[in-house]
């Protein structure tokens, strides 16, 4: 069996990645229940989750559109999450060695 016929050239792989990222950028946000996400930005990596009262909000770190937006009973503080409390979780086992 010739394995090389199943591999894509680098140029086709880059073109496919560019097309997929273009399609992802035009995806529409979910709306419903009196809420609508009508705009979006392309921001830095990472995310932080905040949950409470039946709502869940995920945000990115390093946003260029930092600022406070409020309306009704809600306030959104975008941008760097310097005021948010850090939640440390350990996901991987830690191996410690005793030093004499």
C-alpha atoms as a PDB file:
ATOM      1  CA  UNK A   1       0.000   0.000   0.000  1.00  0.00           C
ATOM      2  CA  UNK A   2       1.387   3.397  -0.984  1.00  0.00           C
ATOM      3  CA  UNK A   3       1.075   5.699   2.035  1.00  0.00           C
ATOM      4  CA  UNK A   4       2.283   8.806   0.189  1.00  0.00           C
ATOM      5  CA  UNK A   5      -0.905   9.034  -1.870  1.00  0.00           C
ATOM      6  CA  UNK A   6      -2.870   9.750   1.325  1.00  0.00           C
ATOM      7  CA  UNK A   7      -0.758  12.745   2.388  1.00  0.00           C
ATOM      8  CA  UNK A   8      -1.609  16.300   1.404  1.00  0.00           C
ATOM      9  CA  UNK A   9       1.041  18.699   0.140  1.00  0.00           C
ATOM     10  CA  UNK A  10       1.869  21.489   2.576  1.00  0.00           C
ATOM     11  CA  UNK A  11       0.288  24.148   0.349  1.00  0.00           C
ATOM     12  CA  UNK A  12      -3.041  22.296   0.268  1.00  0.00           C
ATOM     13  CA  UNK A  13      -2.907  21.757   4.021  1.00  0.00           C
ATOM     14  CA  UNK A  14      -2.301  25.482   4.607  1.00  0.00           C
ATOM     15  CA  UNK A  15      -5.118  26.369   2.218  1.00  0.00           C
ATOM     16  CA  UNK A  16      -7.465  24.000   4.045  1.00  0.00           C
ATOM     17  CA  UNK A  17      -6.483  25.512   7.416  1.00  0.00           C
ATOM     18  CA  UNK A  18      -7.071  29.039   6.079  1.00  0.00           C
ATOM     19  CA  UNK A  19     -10.499  28.110   4.712  1.00  0.00           C
ATOM     20  CA  UNK A  20     -11.515  26.451   7.972  1.00  0.00           C
ATOM     21  CA  UNK A  21     -10.450  29.489  10.000  1.00  0.00           C
ATOM     22  CA  UNK A  22     -12.367  31.743   7.605  1.00  0.00           C
ATOM     23  CA  UNK A  23     -15.482  29.635   8.051  1.00  0.00           C
ATOM     24  CA  UNK A  24     -15.054  29.701  11.821  1.00  0.00           C
ATOM     25  CA  UNK A  25     -14.849  33.502  11.819  1.00  0.00           C
ATOM     26  CA  UNK A  26     -18.264  33.866  10.178  1.00  0.00           C
ATOM     27  CA  UNK A  27     -20.046  31.493  12.548  1.00  0.00           C
ATOM     28  CA  UNK A  28     -23.060  33.105  14.158  1.00  0.00           C
ATOM     29  CA  UNK A  29     -23.494  33.261  17.909  1.00  0.00           C
ATOM     30  CA  UNK A  30     -26.409  31.517  19.570  1.00  0.00           C
ATOM     31  CA  UNK A  31     -29.368  33.692  20.483  1.00  0.00           C
ATOM     32  CA  UNK A  32     -32.573  33.014  22.324  1.00  0.00           C
ATOM     33  CA  UNK A  33     -34.469  33.563  25.522  1.00  0.00           C
ATOM     34  CA  UNK A  34     -34.247  37.343  25.263  1.00  0.00           C
ATOM     35  CA  UNK A  35     -30.447  37.331  24.806  1.00  0.00           C
ATOM     36  CA  UNK A  36     -28.445  37.971  21.661  1.00  0.00           C
ATOM     37  CA  UNK A  37     -24.708  38.032  20.963  1.00  0.00           C
ATOM     38  CA  UNK A  38     -24.622  40.488  18.089  1.00  0.00           C
ATOM     39  CA  UNK A  39     -20.911  41.233  17.793  1.00  0.00           C
ATOM     40  CA  UNK A  40     -17.587  39.558  18.405  1.00  0.00           C
ATOM     41  CA  UNK A  41     -13.855  40.175  18.249  1.00  0.00           C
ATOM     42  CA  UNK A  42     -10.766  38.112  17.580  1.00  0.00           C
ATOM     43  CA  UNK A  43      -8.821  38.066  20.832  1.00  0.00           C
ATOM     44  CA  UNK A  44      -5.805  36.516  22.513  1.00  0.00           C
ATOM     45  CA  UNK A  45      -5.554  32.939  23.705  1.00  0.00           C
ATOM     46  CA  UNK A  46      -6.636  31.278  26.905  1.00  0.00           C
ATOM     47  CA  UNK A  47      -9.947  31.471  28.675  1.00  0.00           C
ATOM     48  CA  UNK A  48     -11.500  32.075  32.064  1.00  0.00           C
ATOM     49  CA  UNK A  49     -14.887  30.769  33.144  1.00  0.00           C
ATOM     50  CA  UNK A  50     -17.270  32.519  35.483  1.00  0.00           C
ATOM     51  CA  UNK A  51     -20.474  30.833  36.624  1.00  0.00           C
ATOM     52  CA  UNK A  52     -23.310  31.812  38.886  1.00  0.00           C
ATOM     53  CA  UNK A  53     -27.063  32.170  39.044  1.00  0.00           C
ATOM     54  CA  UNK A  54     -27.700  29.843  36.112  1.00  0.00           C
ATOM     55  CA  UNK A  55     -25.328  31.759  33.806  1.00  0.00           C
ATOM     56  CA  UNK A  56     -21.912  30.809  32.507  1.00  0.00           C
ATOM     57  CA  UNK A  57     -19.491  33.211  30.813  1.00  0.00           C
ATOM     58  CA  UNK A  58     -16.176  32.390  29.166  1.00  0.00           C
ATOM     59  CA  UNK A  59     -13.700  35.120  28.335  1.00  0.00           C
ATOM     60  CA  UNK A  60     -10.262  35.398  26.781  1.00  0.00           C
ATOM     61  CA  UNK A  61      -7.087  37.000  28.081  1.00  0.00           C
ATOM     62  CA  UNK A  62      -5.490  39.993  26.392  1.00  0.00           C
ATOM     63  CA  UNK A  63      -8.497  41.482  24.662  1.00  0.00           C
ATOM     64  CA  UNK A  64      -7.932  44.774  22.840  1.00  0.00           C
ATOM     65  CA  UNK A  65     -11.564  45.776  23.449  1.00  0.00           C
ATOM     66  CA  UNK A  66     -11.192  46.192  27.226  1.00  0.00           C
ATOM     67  CA  UNK A  67     -13.865  48.228  28.931  1.00  0.00           C
ATOM     68  CA  UNK A  68     -17.055  48.122  30.959  1.00  0.00           C
ATOM     69  CA  UNK A  69     -20.387  47.500  29.252  1.00  0.00           C
ATOM     70  CA  UNK A  70     -23.613  47.577  31.231  1.00  0.00           C
ATOM     71  CA  UNK A  71     -27.290  47.325  30.491  1.00  0.00           C
ATOM     72  CA  UNK A  72     -30.227  46.532  32.735  1.00  0.00           C
ATOM     73  CA  UNK A  73     -29.131  44.343  35.630  1.00  0.00           C
ATOM     74  CA  UNK A  74     -25.965  43.116  33.871  1.00  0.00           C
ATOM     75  CA  UNK A  75     -22.417  44.460  33.746  1.00  0.00           C
ATOM     76  CA  UNK A  76     -19.602  43.024  31.627  1.00  0.00           C
ATOM     77  CA  UNK A  77     -15.989  43.977  32.303  1.00  0.00           C
ATOM     78  CA  UNK A  78     -13.999  42.994  29.214  1.00  0.00           C
ATOM     79  CA  UNK A  79     -10.253  42.899  28.772  1.00  0.00           C
ATOM     80  CA  UNK A  80      -7.649  41.700  31.212  1.00  0.00           C
ATOM     81  CA  UNK A  81      -9.074  39.694  34.094  1.00  0.00           C
ATOM     82  CA  UNK A  82      -6.783  41.176  36.742  1.00  0.00           C
ATOM     83  CA  UNK A  83      -9.633  41.542  39.249  1.00  0.00           C
ATOM     84  CA  UNK A  84     -10.862  37.969  38.889  1.00  0.00           C
ATOM     85  CA  UNK A  85      -9.904  35.485  41.579  1.00  0.00           C
ATOM     86  CA  UNK A  86      -7.595  32.738  40.389  1.00  0.00           C
ATOM     87  CA  UNK A  87      -8.875  29.213  40.735  1.00  0.00           C
ATOM     88  CA  UNK A  88      -6.024  26.721  40.886  1.00  0.00           C
ATOM     89  CA  UNK A  89      -6.788  23.141  39.981  1.00  0.00           C
ATOM     90  CA  UNK A  90      -4.366  20.267  39.705  1.00  0.00           C
ATOM     91  CA  UNK A  91      -5.146  17.975  36.776  1.00  0.00           C
ATOM     92  CA  UNK A  92      -1.959  15.934  36.461  1.00  0.00           C
ATOM     93  CA  UNK A  93      -0.386  13.770  39.129  1.00  0.00           C
ATOM     94  CA  UNK A  94       2.620  15.333  40.801  1.00  0.00           C
ATOM     95  CA  UNK A  95       5.668  13.232  41.623  1.00  0.00           C
ATOM     96  CA  UNK A  96       7.779  14.680  44.428  1.00  0.00           C
ATOM     97  CA  UNK A  97      11.209  13.509  45.455  1.00  0.00           C
ATOM     98  CA  UNK A  98      12.399  13.825  49.046  1.00  0.00           C
ATOM     99  CA  UNK A  99      15.676  15.698  49.345  1.00  0.00           C
ATOM    100  CA  UNK A 100      18.078  14.590  52.120  1.00  0.00           C
END
